[in-house]
Amino acid sequence: RVAVGGESAGGGLAAAVAQRLTDEGVDLAAQLLVYPMLDDRTAVRPDLGQNDHPVWTKGSNHTGWSSYLGKEPGAEMVPKYAVPARRTDLSGLPPAWIGVGTLDLFHDEDVGYAERLRSAGVDCELEVVEGAPHAFMTLAPDAATSKDVERSAMAFLAARLGIGG
């Protein structure tokens, strides 16, 4: 049993790997997406200010996506697996756990992706942490909220991988 996972850009890459492996017939047990970077179009949303979000700003996001894609984020065409949120059919993907804070720039795209997974029949657990910015688990690993979210993520993985009692 194999699961893929990551946080931030790594979470976006994990979602992309899950999509590709599913397309290639690999049966993944789970995907663990911790405040994942899923949609390049967030970097060009006109309703978001450059510094509206602490830690990872719209400007940081624009630089990240531009560097990764090699072109302006939000372009009409992107490589097939580069931007997980652009996939239209999410059916058949492995069960997912997604965690994100309400102050995270990725909040809307992560919640939207979770909703789309559920609509496609994919089991998806969503943990939304009130008042948490991007990377809150890394910034404050000993905070009660970070520990609670980590326990939730590990319980999800243990259940999907058949670990523990």
N, C-alpha and C. Protein backbone atom coordinates (compact mmCIF):
# COMPACT_ATOMS: atom_id res chain seq x y z
N ARG A 1 0.85 -1.18 0.00
CA ARG A 1 0.00 0.00 0.00
C ARG A 1 0.89 1.23 0.00
N VAL A 2 0.58 2.15 -0.90
CA VAL A 2 1.39 3.34 -1.07
C VAL A 2 0.51 4.57 -1.01
N ALA A 3 1.02 5.60 -0.33
CA ALA A 3 0.35 6.90 -0.28
C ALA A 3 1.35 7.94 -0.75
N VAL A 4 0.82 9.05 -1.26
CA VAL A 4 1.67 10.18 -1.62
C VAL A 4 1.23 11.37 -0.77
N GLY A 5 2.17 12.26 -0.49
CA GLY A 5 1.82 13.41 0.31
C GLY A 5 2.89 14.47 0.29
N GLY A 6 2.50 15.65 0.73
CA GLY A 6 3.44 16.75 0.83
C GLY A 6 2.73 17.98 1.33
N GLU A 7 3.54 19.00 1.60
CA GLU A 7 2.94 20.26 2.05
C GLU A 7 3.37 21.39 1.13
N SER A 8 2.48 22.34 0.98
CA SER A 8 2.66 23.52 0.15
C SER A 8 2.89 23.09 -1.31
N ALA A 9 4.01 23.52 -1.92
CA ALA A 9 4.28 23.09 -3.29
C ALA A 9 4.39 21.57 -3.37
N GLY A 10 4.94 20.96 -2.33
CA GLY A 10 5.03 19.50 -2.28
C GLY A 10 3.67 18.83 -2.25
N GLY A 11 2.69 19.49 -1.64
CA GLY A 11 1.32 18.98 -1.65
C GLY A 11 0.72 19.04 -3.04
N GLY A 12 1.02 20.12 -3.77
CA GLY A 12 0.57 20.22 -5.15
C GLY A 12 1.21 19.15 -6.02
N LEU A 13 2.50 18.92 -5.80
CA LEU A 13 3.19 17.87 -6.56
C LEU A 13 2.62 16.50 -6.22
N ALA A 14 2.30 16.27 -4.95
CA ALA A 14 1.71 14.99 -4.55
C ALA A 14 0.35 14.78 -5.23
N ALA A 15 -0.45 15.84 -5.31
CA ALA A 15 -1.75 15.73 -6.00
C ALA A 15 -1.54 15.42 -7.47
N ALA A 16 -0.54 16.03 -8.09
CA ALA A 16 -0.23 15.77 -9.50
C ALA A 16 0.23 14.33 -9.69
N VAL A 17 1.08 13.84 -8.79
CA VAL A 17 1.56 12.46 -8.86
C VAL A 17 0.38 11.50 -8.70
N ALA A 18 -0.53 11.80 -7.78
CA ALA A 18 -1.71 10.95 -7.59
C ALA A 18 -2.53 10.89 -8.88
N GLN A 19 -2.69 12.02 -9.54
CA GLN A 19 -3.44 12.05 -10.80
C GLN A 19 -2.74 11.20 -11.87
N ARG A 20 -1.45 11.39 -12.00
CA ARG A 20 -0.72 10.65 -13.04
C ARG A 20 -0.70 9.15 -12.76
N LEU A 21 -0.41 8.77 -11.53
CA LEU A 21 -0.37 7.35 -11.20
C LEU A 21 -1.74 6.70 -11.37
N THR A 22 -2.79 7.41 -11.01
CA THR A 22 -4.14 6.89 -11.22
C THR A 22 -4.38 6.66 -12.71
N ASP A 23 -3.98 7.61 -13.53
CA ASP A 23 -4.14 7.46 -14.98
C ASP A 23 -3.34 6.28 -15.52
N GLU A 24 -2.23 5.96 -14.87
CA GLU A 24 -1.39 4.85 -15.31
C GLU A 24 -1.80 3.52 -14.69
N GLY A 25 -2.89 3.53 -13.91
CA GLY A 25 -3.40 2.29 -13.36
C GLY A 25 -2.84 1.87 -12.02
N VAL A 26 -2.10 2.76 -11.37
CA VAL A 26 -1.55 2.46 -10.05
C VAL A 26 -2.62 2.75 -9.00
N ASP A 27 -2.84 1.78 -8.12
CA ASP A 27 -3.87 1.91 -7.09
C ASP A 27 -3.23 2.47 -5.81
N LEU A 28 -3.30 3.79 -5.65
CA LEU A 28 -2.77 4.42 -4.44
C LEU A 28 -3.75 4.29 -3.29
N ALA A 29 -3.22 4.18 -2.10
CA ALA A 29 -4.07 4.07 -0.92
C ALA A 29 -4.60 5.43 -0.48
N ALA A 30 -3.82 6.48 -0.71
CA ALA A 30 -4.22 7.79 -0.19
C ALA A 30 -3.33 8.90 -0.74
N GLN A 31 -3.85 10.11 -0.59
CA GLN A 31 -3.05 11.31 -0.83
C GLN A 31 -3.24 12.25 0.36
N LEU A 32 -2.12 12.72 0.90
CA LEU A 32 -2.11 13.59 2.06
C LEU A 32 -1.61 14.96 1.61
N LEU A 33 -2.51 15.93 1.57
CA LEU A 33 -2.20 17.24 1.00
C LEU A 33 -2.30 18.32 2.08
N VAL A 34 -1.15 18.76 2.55
CA VAL A 34 -1.08 19.74 3.63
C VAL A 34 -0.89 21.13 3.03
N TYR A 35 -1.89 21.98 3.21
CA TYR A 35 -1.98 23.31 2.58
C TYR A 35 -1.34 23.30 1.19
N PRO A 36 -1.90 22.46 0.29
CA PRO A 36 -1.28 22.28 -1.02
C PRO A 36 -1.47 23.46 -1.98
N MET A 37 -0.47 23.66 -2.81
CA MET A 37 -0.44 24.67 -3.86
C MET A 37 -0.97 24.00 -5.13
N LEU A 38 -2.27 24.20 -5.43
CA LEU A 38 -2.94 23.41 -6.45
C LEU A 38 -3.31 24.17 -7.72
N ASP A 39 -3.39 25.50 -7.66
CA ASP A 39 -3.97 26.23 -8.78
C ASP A 39 -3.19 27.50 -9.10
N ASP A 40 -2.56 27.52 -10.27
CA ASP A 40 -1.77 28.68 -10.69
C ASP A 40 -2.61 29.94 -10.86
N ARG A 41 -3.89 29.77 -11.09
CA ARG A 41 -4.76 30.93 -11.32
C ARG A 41 -4.94 31.80 -10.08
N THR A 42 -4.68 31.24 -8.89
CA THR A 42 -4.73 32.04 -7.66
C THR A 42 -3.71 33.17 -7.72
N ALA A 43 -2.59 32.93 -8.40
CA ALA A 43 -1.52 33.94 -8.48
C ALA A 43 -1.92 35.16 -9.29
N VAL A 44 -2.99 35.05 -10.07
CA VAL A 44 -3.41 36.18 -10.90
C VAL A 44 -4.84 36.62 -10.61
N ARG A 45 -5.39 36.17 -9.48
CA ARG A 45 -6.75 36.59 -9.12
C ARG A 45 -6.77 38.09 -8.82
N PRO A 46 -7.59 38.85 -9.50
CA PRO A 46 -7.62 40.30 -9.30
C PRO A 46 -8.22 40.71 -7.95
N ASP A 47 -8.98 39.83 -7.32
CA ASP A 47 -9.60 40.18 -6.04
C ASP A 47 -8.66 40.01 -4.86
N LEU A 48 -7.46 39.50 -5.07
CA LEU A 48 -6.49 39.31 -3.99
C LEU A 48 -5.39 40.35 -4.10
N GLY A 49 -5.11 41.00 -2.96
CA GLY A 49 -4.01 41.97 -2.92
C GLY A 49 -2.67 41.27 -2.77
N GLN A 50 -1.61 41.99 -3.11
CA GLN A 50 -0.26 41.40 -3.05
C GLN A 50 0.13 40.93 -1.65
N ASN A 51 -0.37 41.59 -0.62
CA ASN A 51 0.04 41.25 0.75
C ASN A 51 -1.15 40.95 1.65
N ASP A 52 -2.21 40.42 1.08
CA ASP A 52 -3.40 40.10 1.86
C ASP A 52 -3.21 38.89 2.79
N HIS A 53 -2.22 38.07 2.51
CA HIS A 53 -2.04 36.84 3.27
C HIS A 53 -0.63 36.79 3.86
N PRO A 54 -0.54 36.45 5.16
CA PRO A 54 0.78 36.36 5.78
C PRO A 54 1.52 35.12 5.29
N VAL A 55 2.81 35.13 5.41
CA VAL A 55 3.73 34.03 5.12
C VAL A 55 3.92 33.82 3.62
N TRP A 56 2.90 33.33 2.92
CA TRP A 56 2.99 33.10 1.48
C TRP A 56 2.01 34.07 0.81
N THR A 57 2.57 35.08 0.15
CA THR A 57 1.75 36.14 -0.43
C THR A 57 1.40 35.84 -1.89
N LYS A 58 0.52 36.65 -2.44
CA LYS A 58 0.18 36.52 -3.86
C LYS A 58 1.44 36.72 -4.71
N GLY A 59 2.30 37.66 -4.32
CA GLY A 59 3.55 37.87 -5.05
C GLY A 59 4.46 36.66 -5.00
N SER A 60 4.58 36.04 -3.82
CA SER A 60 5.38 34.81 -3.69
C SER A 60 4.80 33.71 -4.56
N ASN A 61 3.48 33.62 -4.55
CA ASN A 61 2.79 32.60 -5.33
C ASN A 61 3.03 32.81 -6.83
N HIS A 62 2.97 34.07 -7.26
CA HIS A 62 3.21 34.38 -8.67
C HIS A 62 4.63 33.97 -9.07
N THR A 63 5.60 34.30 -8.23
CA THR A 63 6.98 33.93 -8.52
C THR A 63 7.14 32.41 -8.56
N GLY A 64 6.52 31.72 -7.60
CA GLY A 64 6.62 30.26 -7.55
C GLY A 64 6.04 29.61 -8.80
N TRP A 65 4.82 29.99 -9.15
CA TRP A 65 4.18 29.39 -10.33
C TRP A 65 4.91 29.78 -11.61
N SER A 66 5.37 31.01 -11.73
CA SER A 66 6.10 31.44 -12.92
C SER A 66 7.38 30.62 -13.09
N SER A 67 8.07 30.39 -12.00
CA SER A 67 9.31 29.61 -12.04
C SER A 67 9.03 28.16 -12.41
N TYR A 68 8.00 27.59 -11.84
CA TYR A 68 7.65 26.19 -12.08
C TYR A 68 7.14 25.97 -13.49
N LEU A 69 6.23 26.82 -13.95
CA LEU A 69 5.63 26.66 -15.27
C LEU A 69 6.50 27.20 -16.40
N GLY A 70 7.41 28.12 -16.08
CA GLY A 70 8.23 28.74 -17.12
C GLY A 70 7.48 29.75 -17.95
N LYS A 71 6.34 30.19 -17.43
CA LYS A 71 5.53 31.21 -18.11
C LYS A 71 4.58 31.82 -17.09
N GLU A 72 3.84 32.79 -17.53
CA GLU A 72 2.89 33.51 -16.67
C GLU A 72 1.83 32.55 -16.12
N PRO A 73 1.58 32.57 -14.80
CA PRO A 73 0.49 31.77 -14.26
C PRO A 73 -0.85 32.23 -14.84
N GLY A 74 -1.77 31.31 -14.94
CA GLY A 74 -3.09 31.63 -15.45
C GLY A 74 -3.20 31.54 -16.97
N ALA A 75 -2.11 31.14 -17.64
CA ALA A 75 -2.16 30.99 -19.10
C ALA A 75 -3.19 29.94 -19.47
N GLU A 76 -3.71 30.05 -20.67
CA GLU A 76 -4.75 29.12 -21.11
C GLU A 76 -4.28 27.67 -21.11
N MET A 77 -3.06 27.42 -21.55
CA MET A 77 -2.55 26.06 -21.65
C MET A 77 -1.42 25.85 -20.63
N VAL A 78 -1.49 24.73 -19.92
CA VAL A 78 -0.43 24.32 -19.01
C VAL A 78 -0.18 22.83 -19.25
N PRO A 79 1.02 22.34 -18.91
CA PRO A 79 1.27 20.91 -19.07
C PRO A 79 0.24 20.08 -18.29
N LYS A 80 -0.09 18.91 -18.82
CA LYS A 80 -1.20 18.09 -18.32
C LYS A 80 -1.23 17.91 -16.81
N TYR A 81 -0.14 17.55 -16.18
CA TYR A 81 -0.15 17.26 -14.75
C TYR A 81 0.44 18.38 -13.89
N ALA A 82 0.74 19.52 -14.49
CA ALA A 82 1.42 20.59 -13.76
C ALA A 82 0.55 21.29 -12.74
N VAL A 83 -0.74 21.40 -13.01
CA VAL A 83 -1.64 22.19 -12.16
C VAL A 83 -2.83 21.30 -11.78
N PRO A 84 -2.76 20.64 -10.62
CA PRO A 84 -3.80 19.67 -10.25
C PRO A 84 -5.23 20.20 -10.27
N ALA A 85 -5.42 21.45 -9.89
CA ALA A 85 -6.78 22.01 -9.83
C ALA A 85 -7.41 22.17 -11.20
N ARG A 86 -6.62 22.14 -12.24
CA ARG A 86 -7.17 22.31 -13.59
C ARG A 86 -7.74 21.01 -14.16
N ARG A 87 -7.49 19.90 -13.54
CA ARG A 87 -8.03 18.63 -14.02
C ARG A 87 -9.55 18.68 -13.90
N THR A 88 -10.24 18.33 -14.95
CA THR A 88 -11.69 18.42 -14.92
C THR A 88 -12.35 17.20 -14.29
N ASP A 89 -11.81 16.01 -14.51
CA ASP A 89 -12.41 14.79 -13.98
C ASP A 89 -11.56 14.26 -12.83
N LEU A 90 -12.07 14.38 -11.63
CA LEU A 90 -11.34 13.92 -10.44
C LEU A 90 -11.79 12.54 -9.98
N SER A 91 -12.71 11.92 -10.69
CA SER A 91 -13.19 10.61 -10.28
C SER A 91 -12.06 9.58 -10.37
N GLY A 92 -12.11 8.61 -9.47
CA GLY A 92 -11.13 7.53 -9.47
C GLY A 92 -9.85 7.83 -8.73
N LEU A 93 -9.69 9.07 -8.26
CA LEU A 93 -8.48 9.40 -7.50
C LEU A 93 -8.54 8.75 -6.12
N PRO A 94 -7.39 8.56 -5.49
CA PRO A 94 -7.38 7.94 -4.17
C PRO A 94 -7.97 8.85 -3.10
N PRO A 95 -8.40 8.27 -1.98
CA PRO A 95 -8.90 9.08 -0.87
C PRO A 95 -7.90 10.18 -0.51
N ALA A 96 -8.42 11.32 -0.10
CA ALA A 96 -7.56 12.47 0.17
C ALA A 96 -7.83 13.05 1.55
N TRP A 97 -6.79 13.57 2.13
CA TRP A 97 -6.87 14.39 3.34
C TRP A 97 -6.26 15.73 2.95
N ILE A 98 -7.00 16.81 3.18
CA ILE A 98 -6.52 18.15 2.87
C ILE A 98 -6.65 19.01 4.12
N GLY A 99 -5.57 19.67 4.49
CA GLY A 99 -5.58 20.59 5.62
C GLY A 99 -5.12 21.97 5.20
N VAL A 100 -5.84 23.01 5.65
CA VAL A 100 -5.49 24.38 5.28
C VAL A 100 -6.06 25.34 6.32
N GLY A 101 -5.40 26.46 6.50
CA GLY A 101 -5.89 27.49 7.42
C GLY A 101 -6.73 28.53 6.71
N THR A 102 -7.56 29.22 7.47
CA THR A 102 -8.43 30.24 6.87
C THR A 102 -7.66 31.48 6.41
N LEU A 103 -6.45 31.70 6.93
CA LEU A 103 -5.65 32.85 6.52
C LEU A 103 -4.66 32.50 5.41
N ASP A 104 -4.70 31.27 4.94
CA ASP A 104 -3.78 30.79 3.91
C ASP A 104 -4.26 31.27 2.54
N LEU A 105 -3.35 31.74 1.71
CA LEU A 105 -3.66 32.12 0.34
C LEU A 105 -4.32 30.95 -0.40
N PHE A 106 -3.97 29.72 -0.05
CA PHE A 106 -4.49 28.54 -0.73
C PHE A 106 -5.85 28.06 -0.20
N HIS A 107 -6.40 28.75 0.78
CA HIS A 107 -7.65 28.31 1.39
C HIS A 107 -8.73 28.02 0.35
N ASP A 108 -9.04 28.99 -0.49
CA ASP A 108 -10.14 28.83 -1.44
C ASP A 108 -9.89 27.69 -2.43
N GLU A 109 -8.66 27.61 -2.96
CA GLU A 109 -8.38 26.57 -3.93
C GLU A 109 -8.38 25.19 -3.28
N ASP A 110 -7.93 25.10 -2.03
CA ASP A 110 -7.90 23.81 -1.33
C ASP A 110 -9.31 23.33 -0.97
N VAL A 111 -10.13 24.25 -0.46
CA VAL A 111 -11.51 23.90 -0.14
C VAL A 111 -12.26 23.53 -1.42
N GLY A 112 -12.05 24.30 -2.47
CA GLY A 112 -12.68 24.00 -3.75
C GLY A 112 -12.28 22.64 -4.30
N TYR A 113 -11.01 22.30 -4.18
CA TYR A 113 -10.53 21.00 -4.66
C TYR A 113 -11.15 19.88 -3.84
N ALA A 114 -11.22 20.06 -2.54
CA ALA A 114 -11.86 19.06 -1.68
C ALA A 114 -13.32 18.85 -2.07
N GLU A 115 -14.02 19.94 -2.32
CA GLU A 115 -15.42 19.84 -2.73
C GLU A 115 -15.56 19.13 -4.07
N ARG A 116 -14.66 19.42 -4.99
CA ARG A 116 -14.69 18.77 -6.30
C ARG A 116 -14.38 17.28 -6.18
N LEU A 117 -13.42 16.92 -5.31
CA LEU A 117 -13.13 15.51 -5.08
C LEU A 117 -14.37 14.80 -4.56
N ARG A 118 -15.00 15.38 -3.56
CA ARG A 118 -16.21 14.77 -2.99
C ARG A 118 -17.31 14.63 -4.04
N SER A 119 -17.50 15.66 -4.86
CA SER A 119 -18.52 15.61 -5.92
C SER A 119 -18.22 14.51 -6.93
N ALA A 120 -16.94 14.18 -7.10
CA ALA A 120 -16.53 13.13 -8.03
C ALA A 120 -16.57 11.74 -7.39
N GLY A 121 -17.02 11.68 -6.12
CA GLY A 121 -17.12 10.39 -5.45
C GLY A 121 -15.86 9.95 -4.74
N VAL A 122 -14.90 10.86 -4.59
CA VAL A 122 -13.65 10.54 -3.90
C VAL A 122 -13.81 10.87 -2.41
N ASP A 123 -13.46 9.91 -1.56
CA ASP A 123 -13.47 10.14 -0.13
C ASP A 123 -12.44 11.22 0.19
N CYS A 124 -12.88 12.30 0.81
CA CYS A 124 -11.97 13.41 1.10
C CYS A 124 -12.27 13.99 2.47
N GLU A 125 -11.27 13.99 3.32
CA GLU A 125 -11.37 14.65 4.62
C GLU A 125 -10.74 16.03 4.49
N LEU A 126 -11.44 17.04 4.97
CA LEU A 126 -10.96 18.42 4.90
C LEU A 126 -10.87 18.99 6.30
N GLU A 127 -9.68 19.45 6.66
CA GLU A 127 -9.45 20.11 7.94
C GLU A 127 -9.18 21.59 7.66
N VAL A 128 -10.09 22.45 8.06
CA VAL A 128 -9.91 23.90 7.92
C VAL A 128 -9.65 24.47 9.30
N VAL A 129 -8.51 25.14 9.46
CA VAL A 129 -8.08 25.65 10.76
C VAL A 129 -8.30 27.16 10.81
N GLU A 130 -9.22 27.55 11.66
CA GLU A 130 -9.57 28.97 11.82
C GLU A 130 -8.35 29.78 12.27
N GLY A 131 -8.09 30.87 11.54
CA GLY A 131 -7.03 31.80 11.93
C GLY A 131 -5.62 31.34 11.64
N ALA A 132 -5.45 30.25 10.92
CA ALA A 132 -4.11 29.73 10.65
C ALA A 132 -3.61 30.20 9.29
N PRO A 133 -2.34 30.67 9.24
CA PRO A 133 -1.74 31.08 7.97
C PRO A 133 -1.09 29.88 7.27
N HIS A 134 -0.56 30.13 6.10
CA HIS A 134 0.18 29.10 5.38
C HIS A 134 1.36 28.62 6.23
N ALA A 135 1.63 27.35 6.17
CA ALA A 135 2.77 26.72 6.86
C ALA A 135 2.66 26.77 8.38
N PHE A 136 1.46 26.88 8.91
CA PHE A 136 1.30 27.01 10.37
C PHE A 136 1.90 25.83 11.12
N MET A 137 1.84 24.64 10.56
CA MET A 137 2.39 23.47 11.25
C MET A 137 3.92 23.53 11.33
N THR A 138 4.54 24.12 10.33
CA THR A 138 5.99 24.28 10.33
C THR A 138 6.41 25.43 11.23
N LEU A 139 5.63 26.51 11.18
CA LEU A 139 5.96 27.69 11.98
C LEU A 139 5.74 27.48 13.47
N ALA A 140 4.73 26.71 13.83
CA ALA A 140 4.41 26.48 15.24
C ALA A 140 4.10 25.00 15.46
N PRO A 141 5.12 24.13 15.33
CA PRO A 141 4.88 22.70 15.40
C PRO A 141 4.39 22.22 16.77
N ASP A 142 4.69 22.97 17.82
CA ASP A 142 4.29 22.56 19.16
C ASP A 142 2.95 23.13 19.60
N ALA A 143 2.34 23.97 18.77
CA ALA A 143 1.03 24.54 19.10
C ALA A 143 -0.01 23.43 19.12
N ALA A 144 -0.98 23.56 19.99
CA ALA A 144 -2.03 22.55 20.13
C ALA A 144 -2.74 22.32 18.79
N THR A 145 -3.02 23.39 18.06
CA THR A 145 -3.70 23.25 16.77
C THR A 145 -2.86 22.44 15.79
N SER A 146 -1.57 22.72 15.72
CA SER A 146 -0.68 21.97 14.82
C SER A 146 -0.66 20.50 15.19
N LYS A 147 -0.59 20.22 16.47
CA LYS A 147 -0.57 18.82 16.92
C LYS A 147 -1.90 18.12 16.61
N ASP A 148 -3.00 18.83 16.78
CA ASP A 148 -4.32 18.26 16.46
C ASP A 148 -4.43 17.92 14.97
N VAL A 149 -3.98 18.84 14.13
CA VAL A 149 -4.05 18.62 12.69
C VAL A 149 -3.12 17.48 12.29
N GLU A 150 -1.95 17.42 12.88
CA GLU A 150 -1.03 16.33 12.58
C GLU A 150 -1.63 14.98 12.99
N ARG A 151 -2.28 14.94 14.14
CA ARG A 151 -2.93 13.69 14.58
C ARG A 151 -4.03 13.27 13.59
N SER A 152 -4.79 14.24 13.12
CA SER A 152 -5.84 13.96 12.14
C SER A 152 -5.24 13.38 10.86
N ALA A 153 -4.18 13.99 10.38
CA ALA A 153 -3.53 13.53 9.16
C ALA A 153 -2.95 12.12 9.34
N MET A 154 -2.32 11.89 10.47
CA MET A 154 -1.71 10.57 10.71
C MET A 154 -2.78 9.49 10.90
N ALA A 155 -3.90 9.83 11.52
CA ALA A 155 -5.00 8.87 11.67
C ALA A 155 -5.57 8.51 10.30
N PHE A 156 -5.71 9.50 9.43
CA PHE A 156 -6.18 9.26 8.07
C PHE A 156 -5.23 8.30 7.35
N LEU A 157 -3.93 8.58 7.42
CA LEU A 157 -2.95 7.72 6.75
C LEU A 157 -2.96 6.32 7.34
N ALA A 158 -2.99 6.22 8.65
CA ALA A 158 -2.98 4.89 9.28
C ALA A 158 -4.18 4.07 8.85
N ALA A 159 -5.34 4.70 8.77
CA ALA A 159 -6.54 3.99 8.36
C ALA A 159 -6.44 3.53 6.90
N ARG A 160 -5.90 4.38 6.03
CA ARG A 160 -5.82 4.03 4.61
C ARG A 160 -4.72 3.03 4.33
N LEU A 161 -3.68 3.04 5.15
CA LEU A 161 -2.57 2.11 4.95
C LEU A 161 -2.71 0.83 5.77
N GLY A 162 -3.74 0.78 6.62
CA GLY A 162 -3.95 -0.41 7.44
C GLY A 162 -2.93 -0.57 8.54
N ILE A 163 -2.48 0.56 9.08
CA ILE A 163 -1.49 0.55 10.15
C ILE A 163 -2.18 0.74 11.49
N GLY A 164 -1.78 0.01 12.48
CA GLY A 164 -2.33 0.17 13.82
C GLY A 164 -3.58 -0.64 14.02
N GLY A 165 -4.18 -0.45 15.18
CA GLY A 165 -5.32 -1.27 15.56
C GLY A 165 -6.58 -0.64 15.26
